[in-house]
């Protein structure tokens, strides 16, 4: 039985107004199960918002045993 594979992930996210953590987790879960993550950069945008760089380790589901 395969338990999955650990994959590094570098993600760019422009968050919407509101709580930040649920937005980050939702974006990470699109790639697998996030084991750990960190915001490693925040870049201001001309629109007044910001772009976040998130580095994570994701557990991707294993395929066939």
PDB file of N, CA and C in Angstrom:
ATOM      1  N   UNK A   1       0.840  -1.181   0.000  1.00  0.00           N
ATOM      2  CA  UNK A   1       0.000   0.000   0.000  1.00  0.00           C
ATOM      3  C   UNK A   1       0.883   1.242   0.000  1.00  0.00           C
ATOM      4  N   UNK A   2       0.628   2.152  -0.908  1.00  0.00           N
ATOM      5  CA  UNK A   2       1.389   3.393  -0.995  1.00  0.00           C
ATOM      6  C   UNK A   2       0.740   4.445  -0.099  1.00  0.00           C
ATOM      7  N   UNK A   3       1.557   5.090   0.722  1.00  0.00           N
ATOM      8  CA  UNK A   3       1.035   6.098   1.641  1.00  0.00           C
ATOM      9  C   UNK A   3       0.977   7.479   1.020  1.00  0.00           C
ATOM     10  N   UNK A   4       1.650   7.681  -0.076  1.00  0.00           N
ATOM     11  CA  UNK A   4       1.673   8.988  -0.710  1.00  0.00           C
ATOM     12  C   UNK A   4       3.094   9.448  -0.920  1.00  0.00           C
ATOM     13  N   UNK A   5       3.213  10.614  -1.474  1.00  0.00           N
ATOM     14  CA  UNK A   5       4.523  11.160  -1.811  1.00  0.00           C
ATOM     15  C   UNK A   5       4.596  12.605  -1.337  1.00  0.00           C
ATOM     16  N   UNK A   6       5.718  12.955  -0.710  1.00  0.00           N
ATOM     17  CA  UNK A   6       5.932  14.331  -0.274  1.00  0.00           C
ATOM     18  C   UNK A   6       6.431  15.156  -1.449  1.00  0.00           C
ATOM     19  N   UNK A   7       5.824  16.316  -1.645  1.00  0.00           N
ATOM     20  CA  UNK A   7       6.198  17.198  -2.745  1.00  0.00           C
ATOM     21  C   UNK A   7       6.358  18.619  -2.220  1.00  0.00           C
ATOM     22  N   UNK A   8       7.459  19.287  -2.575  1.00  0.00           N
ATOM     23  CA  UNK A   8       7.552  20.713  -2.250  1.00  0.00           C
ATOM     24  C   UNK A   8       6.629  21.497  -3.186  1.00  0.00           C
ATOM     25  N   UNK A   9       6.136  22.612  -2.704  1.00  0.00           N
ATOM     26  CA  UNK A   9       5.232  23.434  -3.504  1.00  0.00           C
ATOM     27  C   UNK A   9       5.541  24.903  -3.251  1.00  0.00           C
ATOM     28  N   UNK A  10       5.640  25.660  -4.312  1.00  0.00           N
ATOM     29  CA  UNK A  10       5.788  27.112  -4.237  1.00  0.00           C
ATOM     30  C   UNK A  10       4.535  27.707  -4.869  1.00  0.00           C
ATOM     31  N   UNK A  11       3.797  28.469  -4.104  1.00  0.00           N
ATOM     32  CA  UNK A  11       2.486  28.952  -4.527  1.00  0.00           C
ATOM     33  C   UNK A  11       2.437  30.474  -4.426  1.00  0.00           C
ATOM     34  N   UNK A  12       1.860  31.114  -5.434  1.00  0.00           N
ATOM     35  CA  UNK A  12       1.596  32.554  -5.409  1.00  0.00           C
ATOM     36  C   UNK A  12       0.099  32.726  -5.172  1.00  0.00           C
ATOM     37  N   UNK A  13      -0.258  33.582  -4.234  1.00  0.00           N
ATOM     38  CA  UNK A  13      -1.664  33.773  -3.894  1.00  0.00           C
ATOM     39  C   UNK A  13      -1.950  35.255  -3.696  1.00  0.00           C
ATOM     40  N   UNK A  14      -3.008  35.741  -4.341  1.00  0.00           N
ATOM     41  CA  UNK A  14      -3.497  37.098  -4.103  1.00  0.00           C
ATOM     42  C   UNK A  14      -4.784  36.947  -3.303  1.00  0.00           C
ATOM     43  N   UNK A  15      -4.683  37.074  -1.984  1.00  0.00           N
ATOM     44  CA  UNK A  15      -5.844  36.787  -1.136  1.00  0.00           C
ATOM     45  C   UNK A  15      -6.956  37.820  -1.284  1.00  0.00           C
ATOM     46  N   UNK A  16      -8.166  37.359  -1.046  1.00  0.00           N
ATOM     47  CA  UNK A  16      -9.350  38.217  -0.995  1.00  0.00           C
ATOM     48  C   UNK A  16      -9.443  38.802   0.411  1.00  0.00           C
ATOM     49  N   UNK A  17     -10.227  39.856   0.599  1.00  0.00           N
ATOM     50  CA  UNK A  17     -10.447  40.360   1.958  1.00  0.00           C
ATOM     51  C   UNK A  17     -11.069  39.261   2.825  1.00  0.00           C
ATOM     52  N   UNK A  18     -10.710  39.249   4.084  1.00  0.00           N
ATOM     53  CA  UNK A  18     -11.249  38.255   5.011  1.00  0.00           C
ATOM     54  C   UNK A  18     -10.137  37.430   5.623  1.00  0.00           C
ATOM     55  N   UNK A  19     -10.507  36.408   6.380  1.00  0.00           N
ATOM     56  CA  UNK A  19      -9.513  35.568   7.048  1.00  0.00           C
ATOM     57  C   UNK A  19      -8.539  34.940   6.043  1.00  0.00           C
ATOM     58  N   UNK A  20      -7.273  35.004   6.372  1.00  0.00           N
ATOM     59  CA  UNK A  20      -6.221  34.562   5.455  1.00  0.00           C
ATOM     60  C   UNK A  20      -5.982  33.053   5.497  1.00  0.00           C
ATOM     61  N   UNK A  21      -5.952  32.474   6.689  1.00  0.00           N
ATOM     62  CA  UNK A  21      -5.613  31.050   6.820  1.00  0.00           C
ATOM     63  C   UNK A  21      -6.527  30.146   5.999  1.00  0.00           C
ATOM     64  N   UNK A  22      -7.858  30.308   6.046  1.00  0.00           N
ATOM     65  CA  UNK A  22      -8.699  29.432   5.224  1.00  0.00           C
ATOM     66  C   UNK A  22      -8.415  29.556   3.725  1.00  0.00           C
ATOM     67  N   UNK A  23      -8.075  30.750   3.261  1.00  0.00           N
ATOM     68  CA  UNK A  23      -7.765  30.939   1.838  1.00  0.00           C
ATOM     69  C   UNK A  23      -6.490  30.192   1.459  1.00  0.00           C
ATOM     70  N   UNK A  24      -5.490  30.271   2.328  1.00  0.00           N
ATOM     71  CA  UNK A  24      -4.223  29.579   2.068  1.00  0.00           C
ATOM     72  C   UNK A  24      -4.447  28.074   2.064  1.00  0.00           C
ATOM     73  N   UNK A  25      -5.146  27.565   3.071  1.00  0.00           N
ATOM     74  CA  UNK A  25      -5.375  26.119   3.149  1.00  0.00           C
ATOM     75  C   UNK A  25      -6.177  25.614   1.955  1.00  0.00           C
ATOM     76  N   UNK A  26      -7.173  26.376   1.528  1.00  0.00           N
ATOM     77  CA  UNK A  26      -7.971  25.977   0.361  1.00  0.00           C
ATOM     78  C   UNK A  26      -7.092  25.892  -0.888  1.00  0.00           C
ATOM     79  N   UNK A  27      -6.214  26.875  -1.072  1.00  0.00           N
ATOM     80  CA  UNK A  27      -5.318  26.870  -2.236  1.00  0.00           C
ATOM     81  C   UNK A  27      -4.341  25.699  -2.167  1.00  0.00           C
ATOM     82  N   UNK A  28      -3.833  25.402  -0.978  1.00  0.00           N
ATOM     83  CA  UNK A  28      -2.887  24.293  -0.830  1.00  0.00           C
ATOM     84  C   UNK A  28      -3.572  22.947  -1.029  1.00  0.00           C
ATOM     85  N   UNK A  29      -4.781  22.798  -0.515  1.00  0.00           N
ATOM     86  CA  UNK A  29      -5.495  21.511  -0.627  1.00  0.00           C
ATOM     87  C   UNK A  29      -5.821  21.152  -2.069  1.00  0.00           C
ATOM     88  N   UNK A  30      -5.813  22.123  -2.953  1.00  0.00           N
ATOM     89  CA  UNK A  30      -6.021  21.830  -4.375  1.00  0.00           C
ATOM     90  C   UNK A  30      -4.873  20.988  -4.928  1.00  0.00           C
ATOM     91  N   UNK A  31      -3.745  20.950  -4.211  1.00  0.00           N
ATOM     92  CA  UNK A  31      -2.562  20.216  -4.666  1.00  0.00           C
ATOM     93  C   UNK A  31      -2.307  18.942  -3.861  1.00  0.00           C
ATOM     94  N   UNK A  32      -3.010  18.760  -2.766  1.00  0.00           N
ATOM     95  CA  UNK A  32      -2.795  17.604  -1.896  1.00  0.00           C
ATOM     96  C   UNK A  32      -3.036  18.002  -0.452  1.00  0.00           C
ATOM     97  N   UNK A  33      -2.523  17.201   0.461  1.00  0.00           N
ATOM     98  CA  UNK A  33      -2.701  17.472   1.894  1.00  0.00           C
ATOM     99  C   UNK A  33      -1.505  18.263   2.417  1.00  0.00           C
ATOM    100  N   UNK A  34      -1.708  19.507   2.831  1.00  0.00           N
ATOM    101  CA  UNK A  34      -0.573  20.297   3.317  1.00  0.00           C
ATOM    102  C   UNK A  34      -0.084  19.782   4.671  1.00  0.00           C
ATOM    103  N   UNK A  35       1.215  19.493   4.749  1.00  0.00           N
ATOM    104  CA  UNK A  35       1.805  19.056   6.010  1.00  0.00           C
ATOM    105  C   UNK A  35       2.387  20.231   6.776  1.00  0.00           C
ATOM    106  N   UNK A  36       2.992  21.153   6.038  1.00  0.00           N
ATOM    107  CA  UNK A  36       3.499  22.381   6.649  1.00  0.00           C
ATOM    108  C   UNK A  36       3.546  23.443   5.569  1.00  0.00           C
ATOM    109  N   UNK A  37       3.460  24.693   6.006  1.00  0.00           N
ATOM    110  CA  UNK A  37       3.519  25.794   5.049  1.00  0.00           C
ATOM    111  C   UNK A  37       3.965  27.051   5.768  1.00  0.00           C
ATOM    112  N   UNK A  38       4.463  28.004   4.983  1.00  0.00           N
ATOM    113  CA  UNK A  38       4.902  29.287   5.519  1.00  0.00           C
ATOM    114  C   UNK A  38       4.749  30.355   4.446  1.00  0.00           C
ATOM    115  N   UNK A  39       4.380  31.550   4.865  1.00  0.00           N
ATOM    116  CA  UNK A  39       4.395  32.710   3.977  1.00  0.00           C
ATOM    117  C   UNK A  39       5.832  33.209   3.969  1.00  0.00           C
ATOM    118  N   UNK A  40       6.471  33.174   2.805  1.00  0.00           N
ATOM    119  CA  UNK A  40       7.886  33.540   2.726  1.00  0.00           C
ATOM    120  C   UNK A  40       8.120  34.892   2.064  1.00  0.00           C
ATOM    121  N   UNK A  41       7.078  35.478   1.484  1.00  0.00           N
ATOM    122  CA  UNK A  41       7.211  36.818   0.902  1.00  0.00           C
ATOM    123  C   UNK A  41       5.823  37.425   0.747  1.00  0.00           C
ATOM    124  N   UNK A  42       5.768  38.735   0.829  1.00  0.00           N
ATOM    125  CA  UNK A  42       4.540  39.491   0.575  1.00  0.00           C
ATOM    126  C   UNK A  42       4.922  40.681  -0.292  1.00  0.00           C
ATOM    127  N   UNK A  43       4.349  40.735  -1.483  1.00  0.00           N
ATOM    128  CA  UNK A  43       4.691  41.773  -2.459  1.00  0.00           C
ATOM    129  C   UNK A  43       3.481  42.678  -2.690  1.00  0.00           C
ATOM    130  N   UNK A  44       3.613  43.974  -2.405  1.00  0.00           N
ATOM    131  CA  UNK A  44       2.489  44.894  -2.639  1.00  0.00           C
ATOM    132  C   UNK A  44       2.126  44.939  -4.130  1.00  0.00           C
ATOM    133  N   UNK A  45       0.842  45.092  -4.403  1.00  0.00           N
ATOM    134  CA  UNK A  45       0.349  45.186  -5.773  1.00  0.00           C
ATOM    135  C   UNK A  45      -0.176  46.600  -6.026  1.00  0.00           C
ATOM    136  N   UNK A  46      -0.159  47.023  -7.277  1.00  0.00           N
ATOM    137  CA  UNK A  46      -0.641  48.358  -7.649  1.00  0.00           C
ATOM    138  C   UNK A  46      -2.114  48.541  -7.284  1.00  0.00           C
ATOM    139  N   UNK A  47      -2.855  47.449  -7.251  1.00  0.00           N
ATOM    140  CA  UNK A  47      -4.286  47.505  -6.929  1.00  0.00           C
ATOM    141  C   UNK A  47      -4.548  47.774  -5.452  1.00  0.00           C
ATOM    142  N   UNK A  48      -3.493  47.777  -4.647  1.00  0.00           N
ATOM    143  CA  UNK A  48      -3.649  48.001  -3.217  1.00  0.00           C
ATOM    144  C   UNK A  48      -3.601  46.728  -2.398  1.00  0.00           C
ATOM    145  N   UNK A  49      -3.718  45.598  -3.042  1.00  0.00           N
ATOM    146  CA  UNK A  49      -3.631  44.316  -2.348  1.00  0.00           C
ATOM    147  C   UNK A  49      -2.188  43.862  -2.251  1.00  0.00           C
ATOM    148  N   UNK A  50      -2.001  42.584  -2.045  1.00  0.00           N
ATOM    149  CA  UNK A  50      -0.647  42.040  -2.020  1.00  0.00           C
ATOM    150  C   UNK A  50      -0.659  40.627  -2.598  1.00  0.00           C
ATOM    151  N   UNK A  51       0.499  40.211  -3.048  1.00  0.00           N
ATOM    152  CA  UNK A  51       0.685  38.843  -3.541  1.00  0.00           C
ATOM    153  C   UNK A  51       1.571  38.141  -2.520  1.00  0.00           C
ATOM    154  N   UNK A  52       1.100  36.993  -2.052  1.00  0.00           N
ATOM    155  CA  UNK A  52       1.852  36.212  -1.084  1.00  0.00           C
ATOM    156  C   UNK A  52       2.560  35.066  -1.778  1.00  0.00           C
ATOM    157  N   UNK A  53       3.771  34.804  -1.347  1.00  0.00           N
ATOM    158  CA  UNK A  53       4.480  33.603  -1.781  1.00  0.00           C
ATOM    159  C   UNK A  53       4.417  32.627  -0.617  1.00  0.00           C
ATOM    160  N   UNK A  54       3.937  31.428  -0.894  1.00  0.00           N
ATOM    161  CA  UNK A  54       3.775  30.414   0.136  1.00  0.00           C
ATOM    162  C   UNK A  54       4.597  29.202  -0.260  1.00  0.00           C
ATOM    163  N   UNK A  55       5.440  28.762   0.650  1.00  0.00           N
ATOM    164  CA  UNK A  55       6.216  27.544   0.450  1.00  0.00           C
ATOM    165  C   UNK A  55       5.601  26.473   1.332  1.00  0.00           C
ATOM    166  N   UNK A  56       5.413  25.288   0.766  1.00  0.00           N
ATOM    167  CA  UNK A  56       4.731  24.225   1.496  1.00  0.00           C
ATOM    168  C   UNK A  56       5.320  22.867   1.152  1.00  0.00           C
ATOM    169  N   UNK A  57       5.010  21.909   2.006  1.00  0.00           N
ATOM    170  CA  UNK A  57       5.259  20.499   1.723  1.00  0.00           C
ATOM    171  C   UNK A  57       3.884  19.848   1.696  1.00  0.00           C
ATOM    172  N   UNK A  58       3.604  19.171   0.592  1.00  0.00           N
ATOM    173  CA  UNK A  58       2.296  18.583   0.339  1.00  0.00           C
ATOM    174  C   UNK A  58       2.428  17.066   0.286  1.00  0.00           C
ATOM    175  N   UNK A  59       1.476  16.373   0.893  1.00  0.00           N
ATOM    176  CA  UNK A  59       1.395  14.923   0.767  1.00  0.00           C
ATOM    177  C   UNK A  59       0.393  14.628  -0.338  1.00  0.00           C
ATOM    178  N   UNK A  60       0.891  14.043  -1.415  1.00  0.00           N
ATOM    179  CA  UNK A  60       0.013  13.683  -2.526  1.00  0.00           C
ATOM    180  C   UNK A  60      -0.371  12.227  -2.363  1.00  0.00           C
ATOM    181  N   UNK A  61      -1.635  11.931  -2.599  1.00  0.00           N
ATOM    182  CA  UNK A  61      -2.133  10.570  -2.447  1.00  0.00           C
ATOM    183  C   UNK A  61      -1.373   9.617  -3.341  1.00  0.00           C
ATOM    184  N   UNK A  62      -1.099   8.445  -2.808  1.00  0.00           N
ATOM    185  CA  UNK A  62      -0.408   7.425  -3.592  1.00  0.00           C
ATOM    186  C   UNK A  62      -1.333   6.839  -4.635  1.00  0.00           C
ATOM    187  N   UNK A  63      -0.739   6.361  -5.672  1.00  0.00           N
ATOM    188  CA  UNK A  63      -1.509   5.721  -6.735  1.00  0.00           C
ATOM    189  C   UNK A  63      -1.820   4.286  -6.362  1.00  0.00           C
ATOM    190  N   UNK A  64      -1.431   3.373  -7.196  1.00  0.00           N
ATOM    191  CA  UNK A  64      -1.685   1.964  -6.934  1.00  0.00           C
ATOM    192  C   UNK A  64      -0.619   1.410  -6.005  1.00  0.00           C
ATOM    193  N   UNK A  65      -0.966   0.387  -5.229  1.00  0.00           N
ATOM    194  CA  UNK A  65       0.014  -0.199  -4.301  1.00  0.00           C
ATOM    195  C   UNK A  65       1.183  -0.830  -4.991  1.00  0.00           C
TER     196      UNK A  65
END
